[in-house]
C-alpha atoms as a PDB file:
ATOM      1  CA  UNK A   1       0.392   0.021  -0.116  1.00  0.00           C
ATOM      2  CA  UNK A   2       1.007   3.514  -0.707  1.00  0.00           C
ATOM      3  CA  UNK A   3       0.346   6.965   0.860  1.00  0.00           C
ATOM      4  CA  UNK A   4      -2.135   7.998  -1.973  1.00  0.00           C
ATOM      5  CA  UNK A   5      -3.911   4.641  -1.773  1.00  0.00           C
ATOM      6  CA  UNK A   6      -4.175   4.653   2.442  1.00  0.00           C
ATOM      7  CA  UNK A   7      -5.476   8.591   1.642  1.00  0.00           C
ATOM      8  CA  UNK A   8      -8.238   6.794  -0.129  1.00  0.00           C
ATOM      9  CA  UNK A   9      -8.976   4.026   2.173  1.00  0.00           C
ATOM     10  CA  UNK A  10      -9.164   6.343   5.039  1.00  0.00           C
ATOM     11  CA  UNK A  11     -11.626   8.810   2.628  1.00  0.00           C
ATOM     12  CA  UNK A  12     -13.889   5.805   2.049  1.00  0.00           C
ATOM     13  CA  UNK A  13     -14.249   4.957   5.517  1.00  0.00           C
ATOM     14  CA  UNK A  14     -14.295   8.256   6.728  1.00  0.00           C
ATOM     15  CA  UNK A  15     -16.808   7.262   9.233  1.00  0.00           C
ATOM     16  CA  UNK A  16     -14.364   5.192  11.345  1.00  0.00           C
ATOM     17  CA  UNK A  17     -11.440   6.988  11.514  1.00  0.00           C
ATOM     18  CA  UNK A  18     -10.574  10.323  13.555  1.00  0.00           C
ATOM     19  CA  UNK A  19      -7.891  12.182  12.155  1.00  0.00           C
ATOM     20  CA  UNK A  20      -6.210  15.436  12.594  1.00  0.00           C
ATOM     21  CA  UNK A  21      -4.893  17.501   9.803  1.00  0.00           C
ATOM     22  CA  UNK A  22      -0.949  19.251   8.965  1.00  0.00           C
ATOM     23  CA  UNK A  23      -2.450  21.720  11.286  1.00  0.00           C
ATOM     24  CA  UNK A  24      -2.286  19.431  14.095  1.00  0.00           C
ATOM     25  CA  UNK A  25       1.101  18.344  13.026  1.00  0.00           C
ATOM     26  CA  UNK A  26       4.327  18.619  15.237  1.00  0.00           C
ATOM     27  CA  UNK A  27       7.019  20.427  13.426  1.00  0.00           C
ATOM     28  CA  UNK A  28      10.756  19.036  12.477  1.00  0.00           C
ATOM     29  CA  UNK A  29      12.008  20.065  16.041  1.00  0.00           C
ATOM     30  CA  UNK A  30       9.255  18.302  17.907  1.00  0.00           C
ATOM     31  CA  UNK A  31       9.882  15.011  15.642  1.00  0.00           C
ATOM     32  CA  UNK A  32      13.821  15.951  16.314  1.00  0.00           C
ATOM     33  CA  UNK A  33      13.339  15.846  20.024  1.00  0.00           C
ATOM     34  CA  UNK A  34      11.075  12.778  20.209  1.00  0.00           C
ATOM     35  CA  UNK A  35      13.788  10.248  17.954  1.00  0.00           C
ATOM     36  CA  UNK A  36      16.550  11.862  20.620  1.00  0.00           C
ATOM     37  CA  UNK A  37      14.452  10.759  23.689  1.00  0.00           C
ATOM     38  CA  UNK A  38      13.614   7.479  22.147  1.00  0.00           C
ATOM     39  CA  UNK A  39      17.204   6.969  20.982  1.00  0.00           C
ATOM     40  CA  UNK A  40      15.551   5.869  17.227  1.00  0.00           C
ATOM     41  CA  UNK A  41      14.826   7.120  13.799  1.00  0.00           C
ATOM     42  CA  UNK A  42      11.116   6.892  13.208  1.00  0.00           C
ATOM     43  CA  UNK A  43       9.881   5.453   9.743  1.00  0.00           C
ATOM     44  CA  UNK A  44       9.294   7.700   7.102  1.00  0.00           C
ATOM     45  CA  UNK A  45       5.718   6.661   7.119  1.00  0.00           C
ATOM     46  CA  UNK A  46       5.321   7.232  10.744  1.00  0.00           C
ATOM     47  CA  UNK A  47       6.889  11.004   9.859  1.00  0.00           C
ATOM     48  CA  UNK A  48       4.313  10.943   6.979  1.00  0.00           C
ATOM     49  CA  UNK A  49       1.767  10.563   8.936  1.00  0.00           C
ATOM     50  CA  UNK A  50       2.263  13.048  11.526  1.00  0.00           C
ATOM     51  CA  UNK A  51       3.215  15.903   9.124  1.00  0.00           C
ATOM     52  CA  UNK A  52      -0.136  15.074   7.522  1.00  0.00           C
ATOM     53  CA  UNK A  53      -2.258  14.390  10.022  1.00  0.00           C
ATOM     54  CA  UNK A  54      -0.961  15.312  13.567  1.00  0.00           C
ATOM     55  CA  UNK A  55      -2.657  11.897  14.828  1.00  0.00           C
ATOM     56  CA  UNK A  56      -5.785  10.522  15.046  1.00  0.00           C
ATOM     57  CA  UNK A  57      -7.820   7.395  16.146  1.00  0.00           C
ATOM     58  CA  UNK A  58      -9.282   4.365  14.184  1.00  0.00           C
ATOM     59  CA  UNK A  59     -12.553   3.626  15.640  1.00  0.00           C
ATOM     60  CA  UNK A  60     -11.482   5.033  19.045  1.00  0.00           C
ATOM     61  CA  UNK A  61      -7.644   3.405  18.842  1.00  0.00           C
ATOM     62  CA  UNK A  62      -5.394   5.889  19.242  1.00  0.00           C
ATOM     63  CA  UNK A  63      -2.354   5.893  17.369  1.00  0.00           C
ATOM     64  CA  UNK A  64       0.215   7.758  19.581  1.00  0.00           C
ATOM     65  CA  UNK A  65       2.181  10.504  18.086  1.00  0.00           C
ATOM     66  CA  UNK A  66       3.912  14.050  19.455  1.00  0.00           C
ATOM     67  CA  UNK A  67       1.500  16.160  21.346  1.00  0.00           C
ATOM     68  CA  UNK A  68       3.787  19.146  20.824  1.00  0.00           C
ATOM     69  CA  UNK A  69       4.198  19.363  25.337  1.00  0.00           C
ATOM     70  CA  UNK A  70       6.894  18.879  27.182  1.00  0.00           C
ATOM     71  CA  UNK A  71       7.129  15.062  26.949  1.00  0.00           C
ATOM     72  CA  UNK A  72       6.760  14.518  30.973  1.00  0.00           C
ATOM     73  CA  UNK A  73       3.507  16.508  31.047  1.00  0.00           C
ATOM     74  CA  UNK A  74       1.939  15.194  27.714  1.00  0.00           C
ATOM     75  CA  UNK A  75       0.546  12.104  28.997  1.00  0.00           C
ATOM     76  CA  UNK A  76      -2.275  10.483  26.662  1.00  0.00           C
ATOM     77  CA  UNK A  77      -1.630   9.351  23.377  1.00  0.00           C
ATOM     78  CA  UNK A  78       1.892  10.831  23.346  1.00  0.00           C
ATOM     79  CA  UNK A  79       4.721   8.836  21.874  1.00  0.00           C
ATOM     80  CA  UNK A  80       7.235   9.647  23.959  1.00  0.00           C
ATOM     81  CA  UNK A  81       5.365   9.613  26.948  1.00  0.00           C
ATOM     82  CA  UNK A  82       3.736   6.342  26.275  1.00  0.00           C
ATOM     83  CA  UNK A  83       7.268   4.295  25.906  1.00  0.00           C
ATOM     84  CA  UNK A  84       9.743   6.469  28.026  1.00  0.00           C
ATOM     85  CA  UNK A  85       7.665   7.995  31.494  1.00  0.00           C
ATOM     86  CA  UNK A  86       4.279   5.669  31.740  1.00  0.00           C
ATOM     87  CA  UNK A  87       6.591   2.690  30.786  1.00  0.00           C
ATOM     88  CA  UNK A  88      10.061   2.226  29.784  1.00  0.00           C
ATOM     89  CA  UNK A  89       9.145   0.412  26.633  1.00  0.00           C
ATOM     90  CA  UNK A  90      12.336   1.355  24.944  1.00  0.00           C
ATOM     91  CA  UNK A  91      14.496  -0.215  27.294  1.00  0.00           C
ATOM     92  CA  UNK A  92      12.627  -3.834  26.112  1.00  0.00           C
ATOM     93  CA  UNK A  93      13.270  -2.953  22.744  1.00  0.00           C
ATOM     94  CA  UNK A  94       9.548  -1.324  21.896  1.00  0.00           C
ATOM     95  CA  UNK A  95       8.200   1.760  20.679  1.00  0.00           C
ATOM     96  CA  UNK A  96       4.591   1.513  21.420  1.00  0.00           C
ATOM     97  CA  UNK A  97       2.119   2.713  18.487  1.00  0.00           C
ATOM     98  CA  UNK A  98      -1.154   1.890  20.143  1.00  0.00           C
ATOM     99  CA  UNK A  99      -2.948  -0.695  22.451  1.00  0.00           C
ATOM    100  CA  UNK A 100      -6.369  -2.113  22.338  1.00  0.00           C
ATOM    101  CA  UNK A 101      -9.189  -2.965  24.686  1.00  0.00           C
ATOM    102  CA  UNK A 102      -8.154  -6.377  24.152  1.00  0.00           C
ATOM    103  CA  UNK A 103      -4.663  -6.258  25.397  1.00  0.00           C
ATOM    104  CA  UNK A 104      -3.069  -6.207  22.204  1.00  0.00           C
ATOM    105  CA  UNK A 105      -0.106  -3.441  21.714  1.00  0.00           C
ATOM    106  CA  UNK A 106       1.343  -2.917  18.425  1.00  0.00           C
ATOM    107  CA  UNK A 107       4.880  -1.157  17.875  1.00  0.00           C
ATOM    108  CA  UNK A 108       8.178  -1.411  16.128  1.00  0.00           C
ATOM    109  CA  UNK A 109      10.600  -3.115  17.134  1.00  0.00           C
ATOM    110  CA  UNK A 110      14.068  -0.835  17.863  1.00  0.00           C
ATOM    111  CA  UNK A 111      16.095  -2.926  15.979  1.00  0.00           C
ATOM    112  CA  UNK A 112      13.826  -2.948  12.796  1.00  0.00           C
ATOM    113  CA  UNK A 113      11.757   0.198  12.742  1.00  0.00           C
ATOM    114  CA  UNK A 114      10.374  -0.509   9.711  1.00  0.00           C
ATOM    115  CA  UNK A 115       7.871  -3.345  10.614  1.00  0.00           C
ATOM    116  CA  UNK A 116       5.247  -3.194  12.923  1.00  0.00           C
ATOM    117  CA  UNK A 117       4.712  -6.415  15.401  1.00  0.00           C
ATOM    118  CA  UNK A 118       1.796  -7.025  18.022  1.00  0.00           C
ATOM    119  CA  UNK A 119       1.600  -8.558  21.374  1.00  0.00           C
ATOM    120  CA  UNK A 120      -0.495 -10.318  23.259  1.00  0.00           C
ATOM    121  CA  UNK A 121       1.087 -11.358  26.458  1.00  0.00           C
ATOM    122  CA  UNK A 122       4.254 -12.620  25.540  1.00  0.00           C
ATOM    123  CA  UNK A 123       3.381 -13.765  22.555  1.00  0.00           C
ATOM    124  CA  UNK A 124       4.912 -11.839  19.625  1.00  0.00           C
ATOM    125  CA  UNK A 125       4.607 -11.429  15.833  1.00  0.00           C
ATOM    126  CA  UNK A 126       4.451  -9.560  12.723  1.00  0.00           C
ATOM    127  CA  UNK A 127       1.868  -7.861  11.969  1.00  0.00           C
ATOM    128  CA  UNK A 128       2.378  -5.524   9.641  1.00  0.00           C
ATOM    129  CA  UNK A 129       5.472  -4.964   6.868  1.00  0.00           C
ATOM    130  CA  UNK A 130       5.916  -1.007   7.647  1.00  0.00           C
ATOM    131  CA  UNK A 131       3.574   1.625   8.695  1.00  0.00           C
ATOM    132  CA  UNK A 132       1.151   2.377   6.147  1.00  0.00           C
ATOM    133  CA  UNK A 133       0.389  -1.672   5.708  1.00  0.00           C
ATOM    134  CA  UNK A 134      -0.215  -1.613  10.080  1.00  0.00           C
ATOM    135  CA  UNK A 135      -2.703   1.846   9.575  1.00  0.00           C
ATOM    136  CA  UNK A 136      -4.925  -0.504   6.262  1.00  0.00           C
ATOM    137  CA  UNK A 137      -5.104  -3.456   8.830  1.00  0.00           C
ATOM    138  CA  UNK A 138      -6.141  -1.692  11.725  1.00  0.00           C
ATOM    139  CA  UNK A 139      -9.039   0.226   9.555  1.00  0.00           C
ATOM    140  CA  UNK A 140      -9.951  -2.708   7.389  1.00  0.00           C
ATOM    141  CA  UNK A 141      -9.969  -5.112  10.760  1.00  0.00           C
ATOM    142  CA  UNK A 142     -13.388  -2.683  12.307  1.00  0.00           C
ATOM    143  CA  UNK A 143     -15.038  -3.202   8.375  1.00  0.00           C
END
């Protein structure tokens, strides 16, 4: 899936998503600060998502973003807050993108920041080959 196809999918199922706009996007300084705090380079498609939507959710399932607040004050779905302050996921090699009410956790592996993995308890497996496929699969799981 490419970015244009994802935009079309978002438009087709707009009733299932709540995305921000580029007006909500963190600037490059915030993205750089997040990468520095997380000790990773975020994937280009994730940065594209941040630049175009700022953040959002699919059927209420928030995709962690950058809130443009000091990370220790951001709370909620700020990716740095969730992965460094609320729970030190980075220490276990994960950058969590979202959690579901069913106990699923979607994350990047810090050793392979392109793919998205899913874990339920101690069971961990590949979920998507990249961030765009992750968004597509999450959206289509509600259709």
